[in-house]
Protein backbone atom coordinates (compact mmCIF):
# COMPACT_ATOMS: atom_id res chain seq x y z
CA LEU A 1 -35.01 -35.76 -0.64
CA ALA A 2 -37.61 -36.38 -2.71
CA GLN A 3 -36.83 -39.76 -4.75
CA MET A 4 -35.53 -40.96 -1.38
CA GLN A 5 -39.17 -40.08 -0.20
CA HIS A 6 -41.07 -41.80 -2.85
CA PHE A 7 -38.57 -44.33 -2.10
CA ALA A 8 -39.99 -44.76 1.68
CA ASP A 9 -43.35 -43.86 0.99
CA VAL A 10 -43.35 -47.54 -1.62
CA THR A 11 -41.38 -49.19 0.60
CA VAL A 12 -44.44 -48.33 3.85
CA ALA A 13 -46.62 -49.01 1.49
CA HIS A 14 -45.82 -53.16 0.77
CA ALA A 15 -44.46 -53.09 4.33
CA SER A 16 -48.26 -52.19 5.69
CA GLY A 17 -50.46 -53.65 3.26
CA ARG A 18 -47.93 -57.44 3.06
CA GLY A 19 -46.77 -57.02 6.80
CA ASN A 20 -43.58 -58.18 5.92
CA VAL A 21 -41.48 -56.97 2.18
CA SER A 22 -40.07 -59.82 2.07
CA ASP A 23 -41.97 -61.69 -1.12
CA ASP A 24 -41.11 -58.87 -3.83
CA GLY A 25 -36.82 -59.78 -3.96
CA ASN A 26 -36.24 -58.05 -7.08
CA ALA A 27 -37.67 -54.62 -6.58
CA ASN A 28 -36.77 -54.80 -2.66
CA GLU A 29 -32.98 -55.25 -4.52
CA VAL A 30 -33.52 -52.35 -6.16
CA VAL A 31 -34.90 -49.81 -3.55
CA VAL A 32 -31.59 -51.00 -1.79
CA ALA A 33 -28.98 -50.86 -3.79
CA SER A 34 -31.01 -46.96 -4.77
CA VAL A 35 -30.92 -46.14 -1.24
CA GLN A 36 -27.17 -47.61 -0.44
CA ALA A 37 -25.79 -45.27 -3.37
CA ILE A 38 -27.39 -42.17 -2.38
CA LEU A 39 -26.47 -42.49 1.37
CA GLN A 40 -23.04 -43.13 -0.17
CA ALA A 41 -22.92 -40.48 -1.72
CA LEU A 42 -23.57 -38.11 0.73
CA ASN A 43 -20.82 -40.04 2.98
CA GLU A 44 -18.71 -39.66 0.15
CA SER A 45 -19.04 -36.20 -1.87
CA THR A 46 -21.90 -34.41 -0.55
CA LEU A 47 -20.98 -33.96 3.29
CA PRO A 48 -17.09 -33.84 2.26
CA ALA A 49 -17.99 -30.81 -0.12
CA LEU A 50 -20.32 -29.13 2.63
CA ILE A 51 -17.92 -29.03 5.63
CA ALA A 52 -14.83 -28.30 2.99
CA GLN A 53 -16.74 -24.84 2.29
CA HIS A 54 -17.21 -23.89 5.73
CA GLU A 55 -13.94 -24.31 6.38
CA SER A 56 -12.61 -22.32 4.11
CA ASP A 57 -15.08 -20.03 4.99
CA GLU A 58 -13.93 -20.24 8.42
CA GLU A 59 -10.41 -19.12 7.33
CA HIS A 60 -11.44 -16.75 4.76
CA LEU A 61 -12.52 -14.47 7.52
CA HIS A 62 -9.57 -15.79 9.54
CA ALA A 63 -7.53 -13.89 7.16
CA ARG A 64 -9.53 -10.79 7.19
CA VAL A 65 -8.81 -10.16 10.96
CA ASN A 66 -4.91 -10.96 10.37
CA ALA A 67 -5.05 -8.41 7.26
CA SER A 68 -7.09 -5.89 10.02
CA MET A 69 -3.66 -6.44 12.71
CA ALA A 70 -1.24 -6.54 9.93
CA CYS A 71 -2.43 -3.08 9.41
CA LYS A 72 -0.29 -2.65 12.76
CA GLY A 73 2.93 -3.04 10.47
CA LEU A 74 1.77 0.12 8.61
CA PHE A 75 2.18 2.17 11.13
CA LYS A 76 5.90 3.73 11.27
CA PRO A 77 6.60 6.63 13.06
CA PRO A 78 9.87 8.65 12.76
CA ALA A 79 9.77 8.99 16.72
CA SER A 80 7.89 7.48 19.58
CA GLU A 81 5.07 9.62 21.05
CA ALA A 82 7.49 10.46 24.06
CA GLU A 83 9.78 11.50 21.68
CA VAL A 84 7.54 13.68 20.13
CA LEU A 85 6.58 15.25 22.91
CA ALA A 86 10.03 15.85 24.77
CA ARG A 87 11.01 17.58 21.42
CA PHE A 88 8.06 19.48 21.44
CA MET A 89 8.47 20.86 25.27
CA HIS A 90 12.17 21.84 24.29
CA LEU A 91 10.37 23.40 21.10
CA SER A 92 7.94 25.70 23.31
CA ALA A 93 10.77 26.46 26.37
CA CYS A 94 12.75 27.88 22.95
CA THR A 95 9.91 30.08 21.64
CA SER A 96 9.44 30.66 25.72
CA ARG A 97 13.24 32.44 25.54
CA ARG A 98 12.42 34.19 21.95
CA ASP A 99 10.33 35.76 23.01
CA VAL A 100 11.33 37.44 26.14
CA LEU A 101 14.59 37.84 24.07
CA CYS A 102 13.20 39.34 20.56
CA GLY A 103 10.17 41.47 22.80
CA ASP A 104 10.08 44.86 23.31
CA THR A 105 13.59 45.59 24.67
CA VAL A 106 15.77 45.53 21.37
CA ALA A 107 12.47 47.22 19.35
CA ASP A 108 13.51 50.42 22.36
CA LYS A 109 17.16 50.14 22.19
CA CYS A 110 16.85 50.33 18.45
CA ALA A 111 14.71 52.93 18.15
CA GLU A 112 16.37 54.68 20.86
CA ALA A 113 19.98 53.93 18.52
CA HIS A 114 18.01 55.32 15.70
CA ARG A 115 16.75 58.51 17.10
CA PHE A 116 19.92 59.45 18.52
CA GLN A 117 21.97 58.60 15.10
CA GLY A 118 18.72 60.79 12.86
CA LEU A 119 19.04 63.69 15.66
CA LYS A 120 23.08 63.65 16.44
CA LEU A 121 25.16 62.46 13.58
CA LYS A 122 23.32 65.00 10.56
CA THR A 123 25.69 64.57 7.95
CA HIS A 124 26.44 65.24 3.91
CA GLY A 125 26.78 62.20 2.33
CA CYS A 126 25.51 59.61 4.69
CA GLU A 127 22.21 58.51 4.24
CA LEU A 128 20.26 57.12 7.48
CA GLN A 129 17.81 55.00 6.63
CA ASN A 130 14.07 55.01 7.58
CA SER A 131 15.00 51.15 9.61
CA THR A 132 15.98 50.34 13.00
CA HIS A 133 17.36 47.33 11.92
CA HIS A 134 20.75 46.93 13.84
CA ALA A 135 22.88 46.59 9.93
CA HIS A 136 21.19 50.18 8.64
CA LEU A 137 21.98 51.05 12.11
CA ARG A 138 25.53 50.23 11.93
CA GLU A 139 25.95 51.66 8.07
CA HIS A 140 25.50 54.63 9.58
CA PHE A 141 27.42 55.39 12.00
CA ASP A 142 30.14 53.50 10.26
CA CYS A 143 29.97 56.00 7.52
CA VAL A 144 29.44 59.01 10.26
CA GLU A 145 32.48 58.30 11.81
CA GLU A 146 34.53 57.88 8.92
CA TYR A 147 34.50 61.50 7.74
CA GLU A 148 33.01 63.83 10.21
CA GLN A 149 35.79 63.52 13.21
CA SER A 150 34.24 66.45 14.48
CA LEU A 151 31.01 64.06 15.59
CA HIS A 152 33.60 62.39 18.08
CA ASP A 153 31.36 63.42 21.45
CA SER A 154 28.25 62.23 20.06
CA LEU A 155 29.86 59.42 18.11
CA ASP A 156 30.69 58.33 21.50
CA ASP A 157 27.31 58.04 22.64
CA ALA A 158 25.67 56.74 19.66
CA ARG A 159 28.26 53.50 19.42
CA HIS A 160 26.64 52.79 23.05
CA LEU A 161 23.60 53.00 21.93
CA LEU A 162 24.35 51.31 18.73
CA GLN A 163 26.42 48.42 20.47
CA ARG A 164 23.17 47.31 22.82
CA CYS A 165 21.12 47.24 19.59
CA GLU A 166 23.19 45.07 18.15
CA ASN A 167 23.99 42.81 21.39
CA ALA A 168 19.95 42.70 22.05
CA SER A 169 19.33 42.06 18.40
CA LEU A 170 22.66 39.61 17.38
CA THR A 171 21.23 37.28 20.64
CA CYS A 172 17.13 37.58 19.61
CA GLU A 173 18.75 36.40 15.87
CA GLU A 174 20.54 33.26 17.71
CA VAL A 175 18.18 31.59 19.12
CA VAL A 176 15.04 32.26 15.88
CA GLU A 177 17.35 30.41 14.36
CA GLU A 178 17.70 27.98 17.49
CA CYS A 179 13.97 28.02 17.59
CA LYS A 180 13.57 27.11 13.93
CA MET A 181 15.93 24.29 13.52
CA LYS A 182 13.58 23.09 16.89
CA GLN A 183 10.63 24.29 15.37
CA HIS A 184 11.72 21.62 11.83
CA GLN A 185 12.66 18.82 13.71
CA VAL A 186 9.07 19.06 15.94
CA GLN A 187 7.21 19.23 12.68
CA ASP A 188 9.37 16.61 11.25
CA TRP A 189 8.27 14.33 13.64
CA LEU A 190 4.58 15.37 14.36
CA CYS A 191 3.66 15.24 10.88
CA GLY A 192 5.10 12.42 9.66
CA TYR A 193 3.68 10.96 13.29
CA ARG A 194 0.33 12.23 12.05
CA ARG A 195 1.04 10.57 8.78
CA SER A 196 1.62 6.58 10.43
CA CYS A 197 -1.41 7.32 12.00
CA ASN A 198 -3.97 8.94 9.24
CA ILE A 199 -2.24 5.21 7.30
CA TYR A 200 -2.54 2.96 10.04
CA GLU A 201 -6.33 4.46 10.47
CA ALA A 202 -7.02 3.93 7.10
CA CYS A 203 -5.68 0.43 7.14
CA HIS A 204 -8.05 -0.10 9.77
CA ALA A 205 -10.78 1.48 8.04
CA GLN A 206 -10.59 -0.49 5.11
CA GLU A 207 -10.08 -3.84 6.07
CA ASN A 208 -13.20 -3.31 8.71
CA LEU A 209 -14.83 -2.87 5.59
CA ASN A 210 -13.36 -5.82 4.43
CA PHE A 211 -14.26 -8.11 7.30
CA ALA A 212 -18.20 -6.61 6.85
CA ALA A 213 -18.23 -7.91 2.94
CA ALA A 214 -16.05 -10.80 3.89
CA VAL A 215 -18.87 -11.71 7.10
CA SER A 216 -21.78 -10.89 4.40
CA GLU A 217 -21.01 -13.84 2.08
CA VAL A 218 -19.98 -15.93 4.99
CA GLN A 219 -23.89 -15.48 6.10
CA HIS A 220 -25.21 -16.51 2.77
CA GLY A 221 -23.16 -19.57 2.75
CA GLU A 222 -23.92 -20.32 6.19
CA SER A 223 -27.07 -20.33 5.82
CA ASN A 224 -27.31 -22.90 2.48
CA ARG A 225 -24.75 -25.34 3.84
CA LYS A 226 -27.30 -25.72 6.45
CA GLU A 227 -30.46 -25.98 5.13
CA GLN A 228 -29.09 -28.75 2.82
CA ALA A 229 -27.93 -29.91 5.93
CA ARG A 230 -31.49 -29.86 7.30
CA ALA A 231 -31.95 -32.06 4.04
CA VAL A 232 -29.06 -34.38 4.12
CA GLY A 233 -30.83 -35.05 7.91
CA GLN A 234 -34.62 -36.01 6.37
CA ILE A 235 -32.46 -38.27 3.52
CA ARG A 236 -30.99 -40.48 6.09
CA CYS A 237 -33.75 -40.85 8.05
CA PHE A 238 -35.12 -42.41 5.23
CA GLY A 239 -32.55 -44.26 3.95
CA ARG A 240 -31.96 -45.57 7.65
CA LEU A 241 -36.24 -46.66 7.44
CA ILE A 242 -35.97 -47.77 4.12
CA LEU A 243 -32.85 -50.36 5.04
CA GLU A 244 -33.94 -51.24 8.38
CA VAL A 245 -37.71 -52.38 7.22
CA GLU A 246 -36.61 -54.23 4.01
CA SER A 247 -33.76 -56.05 6.46
CA THR A 248 -36.77 -57.00 8.74
CA GLY A 249 -39.25 -57.05 6.67
CA ASP A 250 -41.31 -55.62 10.53
CA GLY A 251 -43.14 -52.42 9.04
CA SER A 252 -45.52 -51.92 12.05
CA ASP A 253 -44.34 -48.62 13.41
CA ALA A 254 -43.51 -47.75 9.30
CA LYS A 255 -45.72 -45.30 8.94
CA ALA A 256 -45.09 -43.53 12.16
CA ARG A 257 -41.59 -43.45 11.08
CA LEU A 258 -42.28 -42.32 8.03
CA ALA A 259 -43.87 -39.33 9.19
CA ALA A 260 -41.10 -38.32 12.03
CA CYS A 261 -38.85 -38.27 8.95
CA ALA A 262 -40.33 -36.04 6.59
CA GLU A 263 -41.49 -33.77 9.52
CA ALA A 264 -37.69 -33.96 10.99
CA GLN A 265 -35.41 -30.70 11.51
CA GLU A 266 -32.50 -31.93 12.30
CA THR A 267 -30.07 -29.72 13.95
CA THR A 268 -27.30 -32.78 14.30
CA PHE A 269 -25.98 -31.43 10.77
CA ALA A 270 -26.43 -27.74 10.88
CA SER A 271 -25.08 -27.55 14.20
CA ILE A 272 -21.43 -28.63 12.50
CA PHE A 273 -22.09 -25.54 10.15
CA ASP A 274 -22.21 -22.68 12.64
CA VAL A 275 -19.69 -20.08 11.61
CA ASP A 276 -17.42 -18.12 14.56
CA TYR A 277 -17.04 -15.11 13.59
CA PRO A 278 -14.12 -13.46 15.39
CA PRO A 279 -13.88 -10.57 16.36
CA LEU A 280 -12.05 -7.34 15.03
CA PRO A 281 -8.82 -5.68 16.47
CA ASP A 282 -9.84 -2.90 18.27
CA LEU A 283 -8.22 0.34 16.60
CA MET A 284 -5.30 1.00 17.65
CA ALA A 285 -5.54 4.61 19.73
CA CYS A 286 -3.01 6.37 17.79
CA GLY A 287 -1.09 10.14 18.81
CA GLU A 288 -4.18 10.95 21.13
CA GLU A 289 -1.61 13.40 22.92
CA LEU A 290 -0.31 14.73 20.29
CA GLU A 291 -3.54 15.68 18.75
CA VAL A 292 -3.39 19.25 21.03
CA LEU A 293 -0.12 20.31 20.11
CA GLN A 294 -0.19 22.92 17.23
CA LEU A 295 2.71 24.14 15.26
CA GLU A 296 3.25 27.46 14.49
CA GLY A 297 3.90 28.98 10.84
CA GLY A 298 2.08 26.55 9.45
CA GLN A 299 0.23 22.93 9.41
CA CYS A 300 1.56 19.22 8.16
CA GLU A 301 1.37 18.55 4.71
CA GLU A 302 -1.41 16.41 3.70
CA LYS A 303 -0.26 13.42 1.40
CA THR A 304 -1.86 10.72 -0.44
CA VAL A 305 -2.53 7.39 2.23
CA THR A 306 -2.00 4.34 0.13
CA THR A 307 -2.76 0.99 2.25
CA GLY A 308 -1.58 -1.21 -0.05
CA PRO A 309 -4.05 -3.35 -2.78
CA ALA A 310 -6.79 -4.23 -2.27
CA SER A 311 -7.95 -7.60 -0.22
CA PRO A 312 -8.98 -10.53 -2.55
CA PRO A 313 -12.58 -10.85 -3.47
CA LEU A 314 -14.59 -13.66 -1.00
CA GLU A 315 -15.79 -16.60 -3.55
CA THR A 316 -19.43 -17.13 -3.47
CA PRO A 317 -20.54 -20.16 -1.82
CA SER A 318 -21.38 -22.72 -4.30
CA GLN A 319 -25.76 -23.00 -4.19
CA GLY A 320 -26.21 -26.84 -5.13
CA ILE A 321 -23.64 -28.76 -3.90
CA LEU A 322 -26.63 -31.45 -3.40
CA PRO A 323 -26.18 -34.46 -5.87
CA THR A 324 -29.03 -34.84 -8.41
CA PRO A 325 -29.15 -38.72 -8.15
CA THR A 326 -29.37 -41.02 -11.11
CA PRO A 327 -33.90 -41.36 -11.28
CA THR A 328 -33.74 -44.90 -10.51
CA PRO A 329 -37.68 -46.86 -11.42
CA ALA A 330 -39.96 -47.35 -8.03
CA PRO A 331 -40.77 -50.63 -7.91
CA THR A 332 -44.55 -51.52 -8.84
CA PRO A 333 -46.28 -52.12 -5.83
CA ALA A 334 -47.55 -55.38 -5.15
CA PRO A 335 -51.68 -56.16 -5.03
CA THR A 336 -52.88 -55.99 -1.51
CA PRO A 337 -54.54 -59.18 -0.82
CA ALA A 338 -57.86 -59.47 -0.09
């Protein structure tokens, strides 16, 4: 830029001083050749390189967005949210039935059988344990029935009470086992669903960080490219001025045009390097209806969340893409005629 502006200053000085710059042909040829070489370098090297960097940065941003979208592929729950909710409702119905069948009624029936056997079936060699469990009551009853036939009447009453205890207890145990099976399945599904949500959400959060880092790098490169593009615009302005003056020999408005080039803040090239910053996908709603579900007997086992390999870092944009032209000796101004 500085060299091109120097050429322009010299050319305008010649044109302003002589009124026609075609008199010094050798000097003019040097200037024209140098200007043409610089403009060719801009068109064939500098601008394509800037455009390539611009396109590479936009591709990188879109790759980061695609990586964020790919996080949904990590969401692989063992069952759908609706299926988990349905199974949980079945479990709730089972536990309600269990609470009814295994409540005070069972305890009262077995306690009554225990009291009766303790009072009416006392005998040596048959010990009644301090337990109302139906198996212990049955063990004591069978012992008494085998060795103490004299307690026939009491045995009939005890048998009736024991059967009531056993029937209620066995019914309770069956529904308890049924609920345990449902509990295990719901826990596997619910915890698996939550773990899958955690994996997806961790991936989404990480990709947000990766995207933010990419945006920071790209913005830095975008700013540099726009500055270089503005310089390219000024260089091209000086170059057009020089070539026109040298071609036509008319330098009547050269000084004004020179000042305009020096002050130009051309946006023609800068605007083509405006980066398209794509939006990131929103976080997918994941198991919100399942958050309120509470399982009996413990929480989901925590497992390490793995989101996959780290995303590759963004290459830092080049800071010096404008070429440094080989210095060309400036032509010596011709003496100004008296």
